């Protein structure tokens, strides 16, 4: 069980600027220069060719859920471990996978796929 004080004190200030925004901040800051910049795309569409190694839509959804959970875990795990304990990580991301699966179910049934 995680103490309530750990949960209420946890904050991840997320900022998702575009390429122009990052470039402008770097120019304004002047503490370093930027030689190159590449976008990282995160694909949520199970119908995309990246996920279409099977014709089974349920299997495609499962692949997408695992992919989404893995990418999210790769990004957030170090932050979560530093604030909480490593012991919660497995259970936390198993629950997260269930939420992503529900999100995909809603996404499909709203006619977006």
PDB file of N, CA and C in Angstrom:
ATOM      1  N   UNK A   1       0.840  -1.173   0.000  1.00  0.00           N
ATOM      2  CA  UNK A   1       0.000   0.000   0.000  1.00  0.00           C
ATOM      3  C   UNK A   1       0.888   1.240   0.000  1.00  0.00           C
ATOM      4  N   UNK A   2       0.523   2.196  -0.814  1.00  0.00           N
ATOM      5  CA  UNK A   2       1.285   3.442  -0.924  1.00  0.00           C
ATOM      6  C   UNK A   2       0.671   4.473   0.026  1.00  0.00           C
ATOM      7  N   UNK A   3       1.488   5.121   0.839  1.00  0.00           N
ATOM      8  CA  UNK A   3       0.950   6.141   1.741  1.00  0.00           C
ATOM      9  C   UNK A   3       0.310   7.294   0.952  1.00  0.00           C
ATOM     10  N   UNK A   4      -0.793   7.801   1.459  1.00  0.00           N
ATOM     11  CA  UNK A   4      -1.507   8.888   0.786  1.00  0.00           C
ATOM     12  C   UNK A   4      -0.612  10.104   0.584  1.00  0.00           C
ATOM     13  N   UNK A   5       0.267  10.369   1.534  1.00  0.00           N
ATOM     14  CA  UNK A   5       1.158  11.531   1.423  1.00  0.00           C
ATOM     15  C   UNK A   5       2.086  11.420   0.210  1.00  0.00           C
ATOM     16  N   UNK A   6       2.466  10.186  -0.152  1.00  0.00           N
ATOM     17  CA  UNK A   6       3.298   9.988  -1.346  1.00  0.00           C
ATOM     18  C   UNK A   6       2.501  10.330  -2.613  1.00  0.00           C
ATOM     19  N   UNK A   7       1.246   9.944  -2.609  1.00  0.00           N
ATOM     20  CA  UNK A   7       0.411  10.196  -3.785  1.00  0.00           C
ATOM     21  C   UNK A   7       0.110  11.685  -3.928  1.00  0.00           C
ATOM     22  N   UNK A   8      -0.272  12.336  -2.843  1.00  0.00           N
ATOM     23  CA  UNK A   8      -0.630  13.752  -2.935  1.00  0.00           C
ATOM     24  C   UNK A   8       0.569  14.652  -3.201  1.00  0.00           C
ATOM     25  N   UNK A   9       1.768  14.179  -2.864  1.00  0.00           N
ATOM     26  CA  UNK A   9       2.959  15.000  -3.100  1.00  0.00           C
ATOM     27  C   UNK A   9       3.618  14.720  -4.443  1.00  0.00           C
ATOM     28  N   UNK A  10       3.072  13.774  -5.197  1.00  0.00           N
ATOM     29  CA  UNK A  10       3.675  13.404  -6.478  1.00  0.00           C
ATOM     30  C   UNK A  10       3.174  14.321  -7.582  1.00  0.00           C
ATOM     31  N   UNK A  11       4.100  14.845  -8.372  1.00  0.00           N
ATOM     32  CA  UNK A  11       3.752  15.747  -9.460  1.00  0.00           C
ATOM     33  C   UNK A  11       4.767  15.576 -10.586  1.00  0.00           C
ATOM     34  N   UNK A  12       4.280  15.379 -11.783  1.00  0.00           N
ATOM     35  CA  UNK A  12       5.151  15.322 -12.957  1.00  0.00           C
ATOM     36  C   UNK A  12       4.757  16.496 -13.843  1.00  0.00           C
ATOM     37  N   UNK A  13       5.564  17.537 -13.840  1.00  0.00           N
ATOM     38  CA  UNK A  13       5.231  18.682 -14.703  1.00  0.00           C
ATOM     39  C   UNK A  13       5.570  18.354 -16.164  1.00  0.00           C
ATOM     40  N   UNK A  14       4.567  17.924 -16.906  1.00  0.00           N
ATOM     41  CA  UNK A  14       4.771  17.539 -18.300  1.00  0.00           C
ATOM     42  C   UNK A  14       4.571  18.739 -19.222  1.00  0.00           C
ATOM     43  N   UNK A  15       5.421  18.828 -20.223  1.00  0.00           N
ATOM     44  CA  UNK A  15       5.352  19.895 -21.211  1.00  0.00           C
ATOM     45  C   UNK A  15       5.676  19.281 -22.558  1.00  0.00           C
ATOM     46  N   UNK A  16       4.789  19.425 -23.513  1.00  0.00           N
ATOM     47  CA  UNK A  16       4.960  18.822 -24.826  1.00  0.00           C
ATOM     48  C   UNK A  16       5.046  19.898 -25.899  1.00  0.00           C
ATOM     49  N   UNK A  17       6.171  20.591 -25.985  1.00  0.00           N
ATOM     50  CA  UNK A  17       6.295  21.653 -26.983  1.00  0.00           C
ATOM     51  C   UNK A  17       6.531  21.074 -28.374  1.00  0.00           C
ATOM     52  N   UNK A  18       6.210  21.866 -29.365  1.00  0.00           N
ATOM     53  CA  UNK A  18       6.527  21.488 -30.734  1.00  0.00           C
ATOM     54  C   UNK A  18       7.990  21.790 -31.029  1.00  0.00           C
ATOM     55  N   UNK A  19       8.426  21.415 -32.193  1.00  0.00           N
ATOM     56  CA  UNK A  19       9.822  21.634 -32.584  1.00  0.00           C
ATOM     57  C   UNK A  19      10.197  23.115 -32.541  1.00  0.00           C
ATOM     58  N   UNK A  20       9.299  23.980 -33.004  1.00  0.00           N
ATOM     59  CA  UNK A  20       9.573  25.426 -32.978  1.00  0.00           C
ATOM     60  C   UNK A  20       9.720  25.935 -31.550  1.00  0.00           C
ATOM     61  N   UNK A  21       8.860  25.454 -30.660  1.00  0.00           N
ATOM     62  CA  UNK A  21       8.912  25.873 -29.267  1.00  0.00           C
ATOM     63  C   UNK A  21      10.242  25.517 -28.608  1.00  0.00           C
ATOM     64  N   UNK A  22      10.718  24.335 -28.864  1.00  0.00           N
ATOM     65  CA  UNK A  22      11.997  23.911 -28.297  1.00  0.00           C
ATOM     66  C   UNK A  22      13.130  24.746 -28.877  1.00  0.00           C
ATOM     67  N   UNK A  23      13.100  24.924 -30.186  1.00  0.00           N
ATOM     68  CA  UNK A  23      14.138  25.738 -30.843  1.00  0.00           C
ATOM     69  C   UNK A  23      14.183  27.149 -30.289  1.00  0.00           C
ATOM     70  N   UNK A  24      13.017  27.760 -30.085  1.00  0.00           N
ATOM     71  CA  UNK A  24      12.957  29.122 -29.540  1.00  0.00           C
ATOM     72  C   UNK A  24      13.484  29.189 -28.113  1.00  0.00           C
ATOM     73  N   UNK A  25      13.161  28.194 -27.304  1.00  0.00           N
ATOM     74  CA  UNK A  25      13.648  28.164 -25.924  1.00  0.00           C
ATOM     75  C   UNK A  25      15.174  28.047 -25.907  1.00  0.00           C
ATOM     76  N   UNK A  26      15.728  27.212 -26.747  1.00  0.00           N
ATOM     77  CA  UNK A  26      17.180  27.022 -26.799  1.00  0.00           C
ATOM     78  C   UNK A  26      17.869  28.304 -27.258  1.00  0.00           C
ATOM     79  N   UNK A  27      17.310  28.957 -28.262  1.00  0.00           N
ATOM     80  CA  UNK A  27      17.880  30.231 -28.726  1.00  0.00           C
ATOM     81  C   UNK A  27      17.822  31.289 -27.640  1.00  0.00           C
ATOM     82  N   UNK A  28      16.698  31.354 -26.921  1.00  0.00           N
ATOM     83  CA  UNK A  28      16.531  32.346 -25.855  1.00  0.00           C
ATOM     84  C   UNK A  28      17.472  32.058 -24.684  1.00  0.00           C
ATOM     85  N   UNK A  29      17.588  30.796 -24.317  1.00  0.00           N
ATOM     86  CA  UNK A  29      18.393  30.395 -23.162  1.00  0.00           C
ATOM     87  C   UNK A  29      19.886  30.645 -23.392  1.00  0.00           C
ATOM     88  N   UNK A  30      20.381  30.317 -24.588  1.00  0.00           N
ATOM     89  CA  UNK A  30      21.779  30.506 -24.999  1.00  0.00           C
ATOM     90  C   UNK A  30      22.814  29.723 -24.194  1.00  0.00           C
ATOM     91  N   UNK A  31      22.389  28.765 -23.404  1.00  0.00           N
ATOM     92  CA  UNK A  31      23.372  28.008 -22.630  1.00  0.00           C
ATOM     93  C   UNK A  31      23.957  26.837 -23.427  1.00  0.00           C
ATOM     94  N   UNK A  32      23.338  26.500 -24.538  1.00  0.00           N
ATOM     95  CA  UNK A  32      23.889  25.492 -25.440  1.00  0.00           C
ATOM     96  C   UNK A  32      23.288  25.701 -26.819  1.00  0.00           C
ATOM     97  N   UNK A  33      23.854  25.002 -27.796  1.00  0.00           N
ATOM     98  CA  UNK A  33      23.339  25.117 -29.157  1.00  0.00           C
ATOM     99  C   UNK A  33      22.735  23.783 -29.593  1.00  0.00           C
ATOM    100  N   UNK A  34      21.918  23.847 -30.594  1.00  0.00           N
ATOM    101  CA  UNK A  34      21.236  22.670 -31.104  1.00  0.00           C
ATOM    102  C   UNK A  34      21.776  22.340 -32.492  1.00  0.00           C
ATOM    103  N   UNK A  35      22.345  21.146 -32.624  1.00  0.00           N
ATOM    104  CA  UNK A  35      22.889  20.729 -33.919  1.00  0.00           C
ATOM    105  C   UNK A  35      21.852  19.993 -34.757  1.00  0.00           C
ATOM    106  N   UNK A  36      21.030  19.173 -34.108  1.00  0.00           N
ATOM    107  CA  UNK A  36      19.964  18.473 -34.836  1.00  0.00           C
ATOM    108  C   UNK A  36      18.845  18.120 -33.864  1.00  0.00           C
ATOM    109  N   UNK A  37      17.654  17.910 -34.431  1.00  0.00           N
ATOM    110  CA  UNK A  37      16.502  17.555 -33.613  1.00  0.00           C
ATOM    111  C   UNK A  37      15.648  16.570 -34.397  1.00  0.00           C
ATOM    112  N   UNK A  38      15.221  15.500 -33.730  1.00  0.00           N
ATOM    113  CA  UNK A  38      14.369  14.494 -34.360  1.00  0.00           C
ATOM    114  C   UNK A  38      13.127  14.269 -33.512  1.00  0.00           C
ATOM    115  N   UNK A  39      11.994  14.125 -34.175  1.00  0.00           N
ATOM    116  CA  UNK A  39      10.754  13.804 -33.480  1.00  0.00           C
ATOM    117  C   UNK A  39      10.714  12.319 -33.169  1.00  0.00           C
ATOM    118  N   UNK A  40      10.051  11.979 -32.074  1.00  0.00           N
ATOM    119  CA  UNK A  40       9.747  10.592 -31.749  1.00  0.00           C
ATOM    120  C   UNK A  40       8.243  10.467 -31.846  1.00  0.00           C
ATOM    121  N   UNK A  41       7.791   9.625 -32.754  1.00  0.00           N
ATOM    122  CA  UNK A  41       6.353   9.459 -32.931  1.00  0.00           C
ATOM    123  C   UNK A  41       5.865   8.294 -32.086  1.00  0.00           C
ATOM    124  N   UNK A  42       4.711   8.479 -31.493  1.00  0.00           N
ATOM    125  CA  UNK A  42       4.079   7.428 -30.709  1.00  0.00           C
ATOM    126  C   UNK A  42       2.791   7.045 -31.404  1.00  0.00           C
ATOM    127  N   UNK A  43       2.730   5.839 -31.898  1.00  0.00           N
ATOM    128  CA  UNK A  43       1.621   5.378 -32.717  1.00  0.00           C
ATOM    129  C   UNK A  43       0.577   4.655 -31.867  1.00  0.00           C
ATOM    130  N   UNK A  44      -0.666   5.142 -31.905  1.00  0.00           N
ATOM    131  CA  UNK A  44      -1.765   4.508 -31.177  1.00  0.00           C
ATOM    132  C   UNK A  44      -2.748   3.809 -32.108  1.00  0.00           C
ATOM    133  N   UNK A  45      -2.495   3.800 -33.382  1.00  0.00           N
ATOM    134  CA  UNK A  45      -3.441   3.248 -34.343  1.00  0.00           C
ATOM    135  C   UNK A  45      -3.125   1.782 -34.634  1.00  0.00           C
ATOM    136  N   UNK A  46      -3.933   0.846 -34.110  1.00  0.00           N
ATOM    137  CA  UNK A  46      -3.631  -0.571 -34.333  1.00  0.00           C
ATOM    138  C   UNK A  46      -3.825  -1.008 -35.776  1.00  0.00           C
ATOM    139  N   UNK A  47      -4.408  -0.147 -36.618  1.00  0.00           N
ATOM    140  CA  UNK A  47      -4.574  -0.489 -38.028  1.00  0.00           C
ATOM    141  C   UNK A  47      -3.367  -0.068 -38.863  1.00  0.00           C
ATOM    142  N   UNK A  48      -2.440   0.645 -38.255  1.00  0.00           N
ATOM    143  CA  UNK A  48      -1.242   1.091 -38.950  1.00  0.00           C
ATOM    144  C   UNK A  48      -0.390  -0.125 -39.325  1.00  0.00           C
ATOM    145  N   UNK A  49       0.381  -0.007 -40.381  1.00  0.00           N
ATOM    146  CA  UNK A  49       1.208  -1.127 -40.848  1.00  0.00           C
ATOM    147  C   UNK A  49       2.195  -1.603 -39.797  1.00  0.00           C
ATOM    148  N   UNK A  50       2.553  -0.771 -38.844  1.00  0.00           N
ATOM    149  CA  UNK A  50       3.463  -1.188 -37.778  1.00  0.00           C
ATOM    150  C   UNK A  50       2.853  -2.336 -36.970  1.00  0.00           C
ATOM    151  N   UNK A  51       1.526  -2.345 -36.843  1.00  0.00           N
ATOM    152  CA  UNK A  51       0.844  -3.329 -36.016  1.00  0.00           C
ATOM    153  C   UNK A  51       0.130  -4.418 -36.808  1.00  0.00           C
ATOM    154  N   UNK A  52       0.146  -4.362 -38.125  1.00  0.00           N
ATOM    155  CA  UNK A  52      -0.686  -5.267 -38.919  1.00  0.00           C
ATOM    156  C   UNK A  52       0.023  -6.546 -39.344  1.00  0.00           C
ATOM    157  N   UNK A  53       0.709  -7.178 -38.416  1.00  0.00           N
ATOM    158  CA  UNK A  53       1.318  -8.466 -38.724  1.00  0.00           C
ATOM    159  C   UNK A  53       0.302  -9.593 -38.546  1.00  0.00           C
ATOM    160  N   UNK A  54      -0.907  -9.240 -38.143  1.00  0.00           N
ATOM    161  CA  UNK A  54      -1.972 -10.221 -37.978  1.00  0.00           C
ATOM    162  C   UNK A  54      -3.292  -9.603 -38.420  1.00  0.00           C
ATOM    163  N   UNK A  55      -4.251 -10.446 -38.769  1.00  0.00           N
ATOM    164  CA  UNK A  55      -5.564  -9.955 -39.173  1.00  0.00           C
ATOM    165  C   UNK A  55      -6.554  -9.951 -38.015  1.00  0.00           C
ATOM    166  N   UNK A  56      -6.157 -10.465 -36.870  1.00  0.00           N
ATOM    167  CA  UNK A  56      -7.014 -10.550 -35.701  1.00  0.00           C
ATOM    168  C   UNK A  56      -7.026  -9.201 -34.974  1.00  0.00           C
ATOM    169  N   UNK A  57      -8.165  -8.493 -35.012  1.00  0.00           N
ATOM    170  CA  UNK A  57      -8.219  -7.153 -34.415  1.00  0.00           C
ATOM    171  C   UNK A  57      -8.014  -7.193 -32.908  1.00  0.00           C
ATOM    172  N   UNK A  58      -8.451  -8.251 -32.248  1.00  0.00           N
ATOM    173  CA  UNK A  58      -8.223  -8.371 -30.805  1.00  0.00           C
ATOM    174  C   UNK A  58      -6.725  -8.507 -30.520  1.00  0.00           C
ATOM    175  N   UNK A  59      -6.048  -9.297 -31.339  1.00  0.00           N
ATOM    176  CA  UNK A  59      -4.598  -9.440 -31.162  1.00  0.00           C
ATOM    177  C   UNK A  59      -3.886  -8.116 -31.456  1.00  0.00           C
ATOM    178  N   UNK A  60      -4.351  -7.385 -32.462  1.00  0.00           N
ATOM    179  CA  UNK A  60      -3.779  -6.067 -32.761  1.00  0.00           C
ATOM    180  C   UNK A  60      -3.931  -5.136 -31.565  1.00  0.00           C
ATOM    181  N   UNK A  61      -5.114  -5.156 -30.963  1.00  0.00           N
ATOM    182  CA  UNK A  61      -5.363  -4.317 -29.806  1.00  0.00           C
ATOM    183  C   UNK A  61      -4.429  -4.693 -28.658  1.00  0.00           C
ATOM    184  N   UNK A  62      -4.211  -5.982 -28.452  1.00  0.00           N
ATOM    185  CA  UNK A  62      -3.317  -6.438 -27.385  1.00  0.00           C
ATOM    186  C   UNK A  62      -1.881  -5.985 -27.642  1.00  0.00           C
ATOM    187  N   UNK A  63      -1.451  -6.041 -28.896  1.00  0.00           N
ATOM    188  CA  UNK A  63      -0.110  -5.578 -29.257  1.00  0.00           C
ATOM    189  C   UNK A  63       0.016  -4.095 -28.966  1.00  0.00           C
ATOM    190  N   UNK A  64      -0.995  -3.331 -29.337  1.00  0.00           N
ATOM    191  CA  UNK A  64      -0.974  -1.897 -29.098  1.00  0.00           C
ATOM    192  C   UNK A  64      -0.952  -1.579 -27.605  1.00  0.00           C
ATOM    193  N   UNK A  65      -1.747  -2.303 -26.833  1.00  0.00           N
ATOM    194  CA  UNK A  65      -1.781  -2.089 -25.382  1.00  0.00           C
ATOM    195  C   UNK A  65      -0.407  -2.359 -24.780  1.00  0.00           C
ATOM    196  N   UNK A  66       0.214  -3.446 -25.148  1.00  0.00           N
ATOM    197  CA  UNK A  66       1.551  -3.770 -24.630  1.00  0.00           C
ATOM    198  C   UNK A  66       2.565  -2.705 -25.052  1.00  0.00           C
ATOM    199  N   UNK A  67       2.485  -2.268 -26.297  1.00  0.00           N
ATOM    200  CA  UNK A  67       3.398  -1.254 -26.821  1.00  0.00           C
ATOM    201  C   UNK A  67       3.220   0.066 -26.061  1.00  0.00           C
ATOM    202  N   UNK A  68       1.975   0.483 -25.880  1.00  0.00           N
ATOM    203  CA  UNK A  68       1.684   1.726 -25.175  1.00  0.00           C
ATOM    204  C   UNK A  68       2.180   1.657 -23.738  1.00  0.00           C
ATOM    205  N   UNK A  69       1.919   0.547 -23.080  1.00  0.00           N
ATOM    206  CA  UNK A  69       2.353   0.380 -21.698  1.00  0.00           C
ATOM    207  C   UNK A  69       3.867   0.384 -21.585  1.00  0.00           C
ATOM    208  N   UNK A  70       4.536  -0.287 -22.513  1.00  0.00           N
ATOM    209  CA  UNK A  70       6.003  -0.352 -22.470  1.00  0.00           C
ATOM    210  C   UNK A  70       6.633   1.025 -22.673  1.00  0.00           C
ATOM    211  N   UNK A  71       6.147   1.753 -23.663  1.00  0.00           N
ATOM    212  CA  UNK A  71       6.700   3.084 -23.936  1.00  0.00           C
ATOM    213  C   UNK A  71       6.471   4.013 -22.737  1.00  0.00           C
ATOM    214  N   UNK A  72       5.266   3.971 -22.203  1.00  0.00           N
ATOM    215  CA  UNK A  72       4.948   4.817 -21.042  1.00  0.00           C
ATOM    216  C   UNK A  72       5.802   4.430 -19.846  1.00  0.00           C
ATOM    217  N   UNK A  73       5.965   3.133 -19.639  1.00  0.00           N
ATOM    218  CA  UNK A  73       6.797   2.664 -18.518  1.00  0.00           C
ATOM    219  C   UNK A  73       8.246   3.093 -18.712  1.00  0.00           C
ATOM    220  N   UNK A  74       8.754   2.973 -19.922  1.00  0.00           N
ATOM    221  CA  UNK A  74      10.145   3.380 -20.197  1.00  0.00           C
ATOM    222  C   UNK A  74      10.379   4.844 -19.839  1.00  0.00           C
ATOM    223  N   UNK A  75       9.374   5.673 -20.080  1.00  0.00           N
ATOM    224  CA  UNK A  75       9.509   7.103 -19.821  1.00  0.00           C
ATOM    225  C   UNK A  75       9.337   7.428 -18.337  1.00  0.00           C
ATOM    226  N   UNK A  76       8.325   6.837 -17.709  1.00  0.00           N
ATOM    227  CA  UNK A  76       7.950   7.239 -16.358  1.00  0.00           C
ATOM    228  C   UNK A  76       8.591   6.440 -15.223  1.00  0.00           C
ATOM    229  N   UNK A  77       9.054   5.241 -15.510  1.00  0.00           N
ATOM    230  CA  UNK A  77       9.552   4.376 -14.433  1.00  0.00           C
ATOM    231  C   UNK A  77      10.628   5.024 -13.557  1.00  0.00           C
ATOM    232  N   UNK A  78      11.641   5.663 -14.110  1.00  0.00           N
ATOM    233  CA  UNK A  78      12.655   6.268 -13.230  1.00  0.00           C
ATOM    234  C   UNK A  78      12.067   7.331 -12.296  1.00  0.00           C
ATOM    235  N   UNK A  79      11.122   8.116 -12.783  1.00  0.00           N
ATOM    236  CA  UNK A  79      10.475   9.130 -11.945  1.00  0.00           C
ATOM    237  C   UNK A  79       9.633   8.494 -10.854  1.00  0.00           C
ATOM    238  N   UNK A  80       8.902   7.449 -11.206  1.00  0.00           N
ATOM    239  CA  UNK A  80       8.044   6.776 -10.239  1.00  0.00           C
ATOM    240  C   UNK A  80       8.857   6.083  -9.158  1.00  0.00           C
ATOM    241  N   UNK A  81       9.932   5.421  -9.549  1.00  0.00           N
ATOM    242  CA  UNK A  81      10.769   4.719  -8.576  1.00  0.00           C
ATOM    243  C   UNK A  81      11.434   5.698  -7.618  1.00  0.00           C
ATOM    244  N   UNK A  82      11.844   6.847  -8.116  1.00  0.00           N
ATOM    245  CA  UNK A  82      12.511   7.813  -7.241  1.00  0.00           C
ATOM    246  C   UNK A  82      11.563   8.398  -6.195  1.00  0.00           C
ATOM    247  N   UNK A  83      10.266   8.425  -6.495  1.00  0.00           N
ATOM    248  CA  UNK A  83       9.308   8.991  -5.538  1.00  0.00           C
ATOM    249  C   UNK A  83       8.625   7.912  -4.694  1.00  0.00           C
ATOM    250  N   UNK A  84       8.301   6.814  -5.322  1.00  0.00           N
ATOM    251  CA  UNK A  84       7.629   5.717  -4.629  1.00  0.00           C
ATOM    252  C   UNK A  84       8.670   4.622  -4.387  1.00  0.00           C
ATOM    253  N   UNK A  85       8.274   3.381  -4.504  1.00  0.00           N
ATOM    254  CA  UNK A  85       9.206   2.267  -4.368  1.00  0.00           C
ATOM    255  C   UNK A  85       9.099   1.403  -5.607  1.00  0.00           C
ATOM    256  N   UNK A  86      10.153   0.674  -5.881  1.00  0.00           N
ATOM    257  CA  UNK A  86      10.145  -0.193  -7.058  1.00  0.00           C
ATOM    258  C   UNK A  86       9.075  -1.277  -6.943  1.00  0.00           C
ATOM    259  N   UNK A  87       8.687  -1.617  -5.739  1.00  0.00           N
ATOM    260  CA  UNK A  87       7.723  -2.701  -5.535  1.00  0.00           C
ATOM    261  C   UNK A  87       6.342  -2.413  -6.135  1.00  0.00           C
ATOM    262  N   UNK A  88       5.987  -1.151  -6.364  1.00  0.00           N
ATOM    263  CA  UNK A  88       4.662  -0.844  -6.915  1.00  0.00           C
ATOM    264  C   UNK A  88       4.625  -0.852  -8.437  1.00  0.00           C
ATOM    265  N   UNK A  89       5.790  -0.859  -9.076  1.00  0.00           N
ATOM    266  CA  UNK A  89       5.862  -0.655 -10.523  1.00  0.00           C
ATOM    267  C   UNK A  89       5.113  -1.730 -11.320  1.00  0.00           C
ATOM    268  N   UNK A  90       5.347  -2.993 -11.003  1.00  0.00           N
ATOM    269  CA  UNK A  90       4.709  -4.069 -11.767  1.00  0.00           C
ATOM    270  C   UNK A  90       3.186  -3.952 -11.698  1.00  0.00           C
ATOM    271  N   UNK A  91       2.639  -3.835 -10.506  1.00  0.00           N
ATOM    272  CA  UNK A  91       1.194  -3.737 -10.335  1.00  0.00           C
ATOM    273  C   UNK A  91       0.643  -2.467 -10.981  1.00  0.00           C
ATOM    274  N   UNK A  92       1.341  -1.378 -10.826  1.00  0.00           N
ATOM    275  CA  UNK A  92       0.918  -0.109 -11.411  1.00  0.00           C
ATOM    276  C   UNK A  92       0.753  -0.219 -12.927  1.00  0.00           C
ATOM    277  N   UNK A  93       1.731  -0.814 -13.601  1.00  0.00           N
ATOM    278  CA  UNK A  93       1.652  -0.894 -15.061  1.00  0.00           C
ATOM    279  C   UNK A  93       0.723  -1.997 -15.541  1.00  0.00           C
ATOM    280  N   UNK A  94       0.459  -3.003 -14.719  1.00  0.00           N
ATOM    281  CA  UNK A  94      -0.584  -3.978 -15.069  1.00  0.00           C
ATOM    282  C   UNK A  94      -1.945  -3.273 -15.066  1.00  0.00           C
ATOM    283  N   UNK A  95      -2.173  -2.420 -14.071  1.00  0.00           N
ATOM    284  CA  UNK A  95      -3.417  -1.645 -14.018  1.00  0.00           C
ATOM    285  C   UNK A  95      -3.471  -0.653 -15.179  1.00  0.00           C
ATOM    286  N   UNK A  96      -2.341  -0.070 -15.498  1.00  0.00           N
ATOM    287  CA  UNK A  96      -2.278   0.876 -16.612  1.00  0.00           C
ATOM    288  C   UNK A  96      -2.662   0.186 -17.918  1.00  0.00           C
ATOM    289  N   UNK A  97      -2.178  -1.044 -18.135  1.00  0.00           N
ATOM    290  CA  UNK A  97      -2.534  -1.795 -19.343  1.00  0.00           C
ATOM    291  C   UNK A  97      -4.044  -1.979 -19.449  1.00  0.00           C
ATOM    292  N   UNK A  98      -4.704  -2.244 -18.328  1.00  0.00           N
ATOM    293  CA  UNK A  98      -6.161  -2.400 -18.340  1.00  0.00           C
ATOM    294  C   UNK A  98      -6.840  -1.101 -18.768  1.00  0.00           C
ATOM    295  N   UNK A  99      -6.322   0.020 -18.294  1.00  0.00           N
ATOM    296  CA  UNK A  99      -6.893   1.317 -18.683  1.00  0.00           C
ATOM    297  C   UNK A  99      -6.653   1.611 -20.167  1.00  0.00           C
ATOM    298  N   UNK A 100      -5.492   1.255 -20.670  1.00  0.00           N
ATOM    299  CA  UNK A 100      -5.199   1.468 -22.094  1.00  0.00           C
ATOM    300  C   UNK A 100      -6.109   0.583 -22.942  1.00  0.00           C
ATOM    301  N   UNK A 101      -6.330  -0.644 -22.511  1.00  0.00           N
ATOM    302  CA  UNK A 101      -7.225  -1.540 -23.239  1.00  0.00           C
ATOM    303  C   UNK A 101      -8.646  -0.981 -23.272  1.00  0.00           C
ATOM    304  N   UNK A 102      -9.110  -0.456 -22.151  1.00  0.00           N
ATOM    305  CA  UNK A 102     -10.430   0.167 -22.103  1.00  0.00           C
ATOM    306  C   UNK A 102     -10.479   1.391 -23.020  1.00  0.00           C
ATOM    307  N   UNK A 103      -9.414   2.169 -23.019  1.00  0.00           N
ATOM    308  CA  UNK A 103      -9.330   3.333 -23.892  1.00  0.00           C
ATOM    309  C   UNK A 103      -9.410   2.913 -25.359  1.00  0.00           C
ATOM    310  N   UNK A 104      -8.716   1.841 -25.735  1.00  0.00           N
ATOM    311  CA  UNK A 104      -8.767   1.351 -27.111  1.00  0.00           C
ATOM    312  C   UNK A 104     -10.155   0.852 -27.465  1.00  0.00           C
ATOM    313  N   UNK A 105     -10.815   0.186 -26.515  1.00  0.00           N
ATOM    314  CA  UNK A 105     -12.175  -0.278 -26.737  1.00  0.00           C
ATOM    315  C   UNK A 105     -13.087   0.901 -27.047  1.00  0.00           C
ATOM    316  N   UNK A 106     -12.987   1.954 -26.247  1.00  0.00           N
ATOM    317  CA  UNK A 106     -13.799   3.166 -26.467  1.00  0.00           C
ATOM    318  C   UNK A 106     -13.437   3.833 -27.783  1.00  0.00           C
ATOM    319  N   UNK A 107     -12.140   3.880 -28.098  1.00  0.00           N
ATOM    320  CA  UNK A 107     -11.641   4.491 -29.320  1.00  0.00           C
ATOM    321  C   UNK A 107     -12.242   3.794 -30.539  1.00  0.00           C
ATOM    322  N   UNK A 108     -12.254   2.465 -30.519  1.00  0.00           N
ATOM    323  CA  UNK A 108     -12.795   1.684 -31.636  1.00  0.00           C
ATOM    324  C   UNK A 108     -14.308   1.862 -31.739  1.00  0.00           C
ATOM    325  N   UNK A 109     -14.997   1.812 -30.603  1.00  0.00           N
ATOM    326  CA  UNK A 109     -16.458   1.857 -30.625  1.00  0.00           C
ATOM    327  C   UNK A 109     -17.018   3.266 -30.831  1.00  0.00           C
ATOM    328  N   UNK A 110     -16.191   4.269 -30.734  1.00  0.00           N
ATOM    329  CA  UNK A 110     -16.624   5.620 -31.080  1.00  0.00           C
ATOM    330  C   UNK A 110     -16.450   5.884 -32.569  1.00  0.00           C
ATOM    331  N   UNK A 111     -16.008   4.859 -33.307  1.00  0.00           N
ATOM    332  CA  UNK A 111     -15.877   4.977 -34.752  1.00  0.00           C
ATOM    333  C   UNK A 111     -14.621   5.675 -35.217  1.00  0.00           C
ATOM    334  N   UNK A 112     -13.625   5.782 -34.362  1.00  0.00           N
ATOM    335  CA  UNK A 112     -12.395   6.457 -34.740  1.00  0.00           C
ATOM    336  C   UNK A 112     -11.436   5.528 -35.486  1.00  0.00           C
ATOM    337  N   UNK A 113     -11.710   4.235 -35.432  1.00  0.00           N
ATOM    338  CA  UNK A 113     -10.904   3.273 -36.186  1.00  0.00           C
ATOM    339  C   UNK A 113     -11.781   2.545 -37.155  1.00  0.00           C
TER     340      UNK A 113
END
